[in-house]
Protein backbone atom coordinates (compact mmCIF):
# COMPACT_ATOMS: atom_id res chain seq x y z
CA UNK A 1 -1.96 -1.38 -26.12
CA UNK A 2 -3.61 2.03 -25.98
CA UNK A 3 -1.24 4.93 -26.60
CA UNK A 4 -1.38 8.14 -24.57
CA UNK A 5 -2.72 9.95 -27.64
CA UNK A 6 -5.52 7.38 -28.03
CA UNK A 7 -6.22 7.57 -24.29
CA UNK A 8 -6.61 11.36 -24.44
CA UNK A 9 -8.84 11.23 -27.49
CA UNK A 10 -11.00 8.59 -25.82
CA UNK A 11 -11.45 10.79 -22.77
CA UNK A 12 -12.24 13.77 -25.01
CA UNK A 13 -14.91 11.76 -26.82
CA UNK A 14 -16.54 10.83 -23.50
CA UNK A 15 -16.46 14.46 -22.36
CA UNK A 16 -18.12 15.67 -25.57
CA UNK A 17 -20.88 13.14 -24.85
CA UNK A 18 -21.19 14.50 -21.30
CA UNK A 19 -21.39 18.03 -22.68
CA UNK A 20 -24.41 16.96 -24.74
CA UNK A 21 -25.92 14.91 -21.92
CA UNK A 22 -24.51 16.08 -18.55
CA UNK A 23 -24.15 13.48 -15.80
CA UNK A 24 -22.97 15.80 -13.02
CA UNK A 25 -23.28 19.56 -12.60
CA UNK A 26 -19.67 20.34 -13.55
CA UNK A 27 -20.31 18.81 -17.00
CA UNK A 28 -22.53 21.77 -17.86
CA UNK A 29 -19.69 24.25 -17.60
CA UNK A 30 -16.51 22.21 -18.02
CA UNK A 31 -17.03 19.10 -20.16
CA UNK A 32 -16.59 20.80 -23.54
CA UNK A 33 -13.62 22.86 -22.39
CA UNK A 34 -11.93 19.80 -20.92
CA UNK A 35 -12.51 17.82 -24.10
CA UNK A 36 -10.92 20.58 -26.18
CA UNK A 37 -7.90 20.71 -23.85
CA UNK A 38 -7.36 16.97 -24.21
CA UNK A 39 -7.69 17.18 -28.00
CA UNK A 40 -5.03 19.90 -28.11
CA UNK A 41 -2.66 17.81 -25.98
CA UNK A 42 -3.38 14.76 -28.15
CA UNK A 43 -2.35 16.79 -31.21
CA UNK A 44 0.78 17.93 -29.40
CA UNK A 45 1.90 14.39 -28.54
CA UNK A 46 1.08 13.01 -31.99
CA UNK A 47 4.23 11.44 -33.43
CA UNK A 48 6.08 11.54 -30.09
CA UNK A 49 7.32 8.52 -28.17
CA UNK A 50 5.28 7.37 -25.18
CA UNK A 51 7.91 8.67 -22.77
CA UNK A 52 7.85 12.07 -24.48
CA UNK A 53 4.06 12.10 -24.44
CA UNK A 54 4.04 11.30 -20.72
CA UNK A 55 6.52 14.11 -20.04
CA UNK A 56 4.26 16.56 -21.88
CA UNK A 57 1.27 15.33 -19.87
CA UNK A 58 3.19 15.86 -16.62
CA UNK A 59 4.11 19.37 -17.73
CA UNK A 60 0.45 20.18 -18.17
CA UNK A 61 -0.28 18.69 -14.76
CA UNK A 62 2.34 20.98 -13.22
CA UNK A 63 0.77 24.00 -14.98
CA UNK A 64 -2.67 23.14 -13.60
CA UNK A 65 -1.22 22.72 -10.10
CA UNK A 66 0.60 26.06 -10.35
CA UNK A 67 -2.58 27.79 -11.52
CA UNK A 68 -4.50 26.36 -8.58
CA UNK A 69 -1.96 27.87 -6.18
CA UNK A 70 -2.17 31.37 -7.72
CA UNK A 71 -4.40 33.87 -5.92
CA UNK A 72 -7.39 34.78 -8.09
CA UNK A 73 -9.04 37.40 -5.90
CA UNK A 74 -12.27 35.50 -6.48
CA UNK A 75 -13.35 32.59 -4.31
CA UNK A 76 -15.50 31.08 -7.05
CA UNK A 77 -12.65 31.41 -9.54
CA UNK A 78 -10.26 29.62 -7.17
CA UNK A 79 -12.70 26.78 -6.59
CA UNK A 80 -13.08 26.28 -10.35
CA UNK A 81 -9.31 26.43 -10.91
CA UNK A 82 -8.74 23.89 -8.14
CA UNK A 83 -11.44 21.67 -9.61
CA UNK A 84 -9.67 21.71 -12.98
CA UNK A 85 -6.33 20.91 -11.35
CA UNK A 86 -7.86 17.97 -9.49
CA UNK A 87 -9.49 16.76 -12.71
CA UNK A 88 -6.20 16.85 -14.61
CA UNK A 89 -4.46 15.00 -11.77
CA UNK A 90 -6.79 12.13 -12.57
CA UNK A 91 -6.11 12.35 -16.31
CA UNK A 92 -2.36 12.05 -15.76
CA UNK A 93 -2.59 9.52 -12.93
CA UNK A 94 -4.12 6.81 -15.13
CA UNK A 95 -1.01 6.68 -17.32
CA UNK A 96 1.78 7.96 -15.04
CA UNK A 97 1.98 4.73 -12.95
CA UNK A 98 3.53 6.60 -10.03
CA UNK A 99 3.83 5.05 -6.59
CA UNK A 100 1.83 7.77 -4.88
CA UNK A 101 -1.45 7.84 -2.99
CA UNK A 102 -3.47 4.70 -2.37
CA UNK A 103 -6.66 2.85 -3.35
CA UNK A 104 -9.59 2.48 -0.96
CA UNK A 105 -12.03 -0.42 -1.01
CA UNK A 106 -15.54 0.10 0.25
CA UNK A 107 -19.03 -1.15 -0.56
CA UNK A 108 -21.87 0.40 -2.49
CA UNK A 109 -25.38 -0.26 -3.76
CA UNK A 110 -28.85 0.04 -2.28
CA UNK A 111 -32.00 -1.96 -2.92
CA UNK A 112 -34.89 0.50 -2.81
CA UNK A 113 -37.47 -2.28 -2.60
CA UNK A 114 -36.05 -3.95 0.49
CA UNK A 115 -34.28 -0.93 1.93
CA UNK A 116 -31.12 -3.01 2.29
CA UNK A 117 -27.52 -2.33 1.36
CA UNK A 118 -26.16 -4.51 -1.46
CA UNK A 119 -22.53 -4.50 -0.22
CA UNK A 120 -21.05 -4.51 -3.72
CA UNK A 121 -17.29 -3.81 -3.76
CA UNK A 122 -16.12 -0.38 -4.90
CA UNK A 123 -12.58 0.94 -5.42
CA UNK A 124 -11.56 4.60 -5.22
CA UNK A 125 -8.14 5.86 -6.33
CA UNK A 126 -6.94 8.62 -3.99
CA UNK A 127 -3.98 10.99 -4.18
CA UNK A 128 -4.91 12.62 -0.85
CA UNK A 129 -7.60 12.22 1.82
CA UNK A 130 -10.12 14.39 -0.04
CA UNK A 131 -8.71 13.92 -3.52
CA UNK A 132 -10.24 10.93 -5.34
CA UNK A 133 -9.40 10.77 -9.05
CA UNK A 134 -10.90 7.47 -10.25
CA UNK A 135 -13.60 5.01 -9.19
CA UNK A 136 -14.91 1.58 -10.13
CA UNK A 137 -17.67 -0.54 -8.60
CA UNK A 138 -19.18 -3.93 -9.23
CA UNK A 139 -22.55 -3.92 -10.96
CA UNK A 140 -25.49 -5.43 -9.13
CA UNK A 141 -25.94 -8.34 -11.56
CA UNK A 142 -22.35 -8.48 -12.83
CA UNK A 143 -20.93 -12.01 -13.05
CA UNK A 144 -17.80 -12.92 -11.07
CA UNK A 145 -15.67 -13.39 -14.19
CA UNK A 146 -16.79 -10.11 -15.75
CA UNK A 147 -16.18 -8.14 -12.57
CA UNK A 148 -12.75 -9.66 -11.92
CA UNK A 149 -11.66 -8.93 -15.51
CA UNK A 150 -12.87 -5.32 -15.29
CA UNK A 151 -11.27 -4.86 -11.88
CA UNK A 152 -7.95 -6.30 -13.12
CA UNK A 153 -7.93 -3.94 -16.11
CA UNK A 154 -8.64 -0.96 -13.85
CA UNK A 155 -5.94 -1.90 -11.33
CA UNK A 156 -3.37 -2.57 -14.07
CA UNK A 157 -3.11 1.17 -14.77
CA UNK A 158 -1.50 1.78 -11.37
CA UNK A 159 1.96 1.18 -9.96
CA UNK A 160 2.16 -2.35 -8.50
CA UNK A 161 3.31 -1.06 -5.11
CA UNK A 162 0.37 1.33 -4.59
CA UNK A 163 -1.28 0.29 -1.34
CA UNK A 164 -4.87 -0.85 -1.05
CA UNK A 165 -6.73 -0.22 2.20
CA UNK A 166 -10.26 -0.38 3.48
CA UNK A 167 -12.14 2.93 3.27
CA UNK A 168 -12.70 2.85 7.04
CA UNK A 169 -8.97 2.89 7.74
CA UNK A 170 -7.93 5.78 9.99
CA UNK A 171 -5.43 8.10 8.29
CA UNK A 172 -2.15 9.27 9.80
CA UNK A 173 -0.67 12.23 7.91
CA UNK A 174 -3.00 11.47 5.03
CA UNK A 175 -2.00 7.81 4.65
CA UNK A 176 -4.22 4.87 5.70
CA UNK A 177 -2.42 3.06 8.50
CA UNK A 178 -4.80 0.22 9.40
CA UNK A 179 -6.90 -2.34 7.55
CA UNK A 180 -4.35 -2.52 4.76
CA UNK A 181 -5.45 -5.19 2.33
CA UNK A 182 -2.36 -5.43 0.15
CA UNK A 183 -1.02 -3.74 -2.95
CA UNK A 184 -2.11 -3.45 -6.57
CA UNK A 185 0.27 -6.32 -7.38
CA UNK A 186 -1.12 -8.66 -4.74
CA UNK A 187 -4.72 -7.91 -5.71
CA UNK A 188 -3.98 -8.48 -9.39
CA UNK A 189 -2.34 -11.84 -8.68
CA UNK A 190 -5.19 -13.20 -6.56
CA UNK A 191 -7.81 -14.75 -8.83
CA UNK A 192 -10.55 -15.37 -6.30
CA UNK A 193 -12.90 -12.68 -5.05
CA UNK A 194 -10.59 -10.91 -2.64
CA UNK A 195 -13.43 -8.68 -1.51
CA UNK A 196 -14.89 -11.60 0.45
CA UNK A 197 -13.11 -10.70 3.67
CA UNK A 198 -12.51 -6.97 3.54
CA UNK A 199 -14.90 -5.97 6.32
CA UNK A 200 -12.72 -4.12 8.87
CA UNK A 201 -14.63 -5.55 11.80
CA UNK A 202 -14.27 -8.55 14.07
CA UNK A 203 -17.93 -8.71 14.91
CA UNK A 204 -21.03 -6.88 16.13
CA UNK A 205 -21.73 -5.53 19.61
CA UNK A 206 -25.48 -5.68 20.25
CA UNK A 207 -27.60 -3.30 22.34
CA UNK A 208 -28.21 -5.91 25.06
CA UNK A 209 -24.47 -6.46 25.49
CA UNK A 210 -24.23 -9.55 23.31
CA UNK A 211 -21.36 -9.95 20.88
CA UNK A 212 -21.38 -11.73 17.51
CA UNK A 213 -18.00 -12.72 16.10
CA UNK A 214 -17.47 -12.47 12.34
CA UNK A 215 -16.86 -15.93 10.86
CA UNK A 216 -16.99 -15.18 7.13
CA UNK A 217 -18.01 -12.22 4.97
CA UNK A 218 -19.18 -12.78 1.41
CA UNK A 219 -18.04 -10.91 -1.68
CA UNK A 220 -21.66 -10.18 -2.45
CA UNK A 221 -24.95 -11.10 -0.75
CA UNK A 222 -26.19 -14.66 -1.13
CA UNK A 223 -29.46 -15.24 -2.92
CA UNK A 224 -31.26 -14.96 0.42
CA UNK A 225 -29.62 -11.59 1.12
CA UNK A 226 -27.19 -12.77 3.81
CA UNK A 227 -23.83 -10.97 3.65
CA UNK A 228 -21.88 -12.76 6.41
CA UNK A 229 -21.74 -15.65 8.86
CA UNK A 230 -21.36 -14.91 12.58
CA UNK A 231 -20.96 -16.87 15.81
CA UNK A 232 -22.31 -15.68 19.14
CA UNK A 233 -19.60 -15.25 21.79
CA UNK A 234 -21.38 -13.27 24.53
CA UNK A 235 -24.90 -12.56 25.79
CA UNK A 236 -28.19 -14.44 26.01
CA UNK A 237 -28.28 -17.28 23.43
CA UNK A 238 -29.99 -16.47 20.14
CA UNK A 239 -31.43 -19.00 17.73
CA UNK A 240 -29.17 -20.06 14.89
CA UNK A 241 -30.06 -18.96 11.39
CA UNK A 242 -30.78 -15.74 9.58
CA UNK A 243 -30.71 -12.54 11.65
CA UNK A 244 -31.72 -9.07 10.48
CA UNK A 245 -29.33 -6.21 11.19
CA UNK A 246 -30.23 -2.52 10.53
CA UNK A 247 -29.00 -2.52 6.92
CA UNK A 248 -28.38 -6.16 5.98
CA UNK A 249 -28.84 -9.76 7.12
CA UNK A 250 -26.32 -12.14 8.63
CA UNK A 251 -26.57 -15.82 9.59
CA UNK A 252 -25.76 -17.12 13.05
CA UNK A 253 -23.87 -20.44 12.97
CA UNK A 254 -22.78 -22.83 15.70
């Protein structure tokens, strides 16, 4: 089991690598500083129990939050301070296991050759509507077993009662109220590809007034590119078989 000290040092190592080879713009100005902060905290928690180390981490989180709420007299300075506070929220969140926020499931991936969406599952850990602190997505050619193992490891860091909802869920007071898919515990216990039926739709309304009812959605596109099966319920009859939609293909079944 990874200790908090080892966790912090691992993050610091990754940030030093991002300082040398930036991935996003913030790496150019913050990666090295963030790495040094984590190394100092790692030294501070060295020899402490895990509960003591977590308390120290939470104290730093509170300091970052307090700094973000202090007036700086400089808009750019405030934005940077808030960015650092949001970043440290994510650092602490991965080990705090607090029953706060939620996890959103969406889809990602784009095939530039075909111009089609790949519909690969993606999970985003959120502490507020515009405050995502962690992300994981299935690789385009990642095997079922490999993806499920990686997803389970990622989910295991969070409190079992944290809710999981579809990213298209409407939010009421910052909390997703519809298209709830379960909790971290229920997702971890299910061994099959739970992403197979996460589309928050019951079907497709076509321009000519026809309606196609969703029969089954796949966890990832079939080899022929089809992402779901549908059955026509309204409108002029269409031939059964593969049907092209704007961003993906579906198959009409009897």
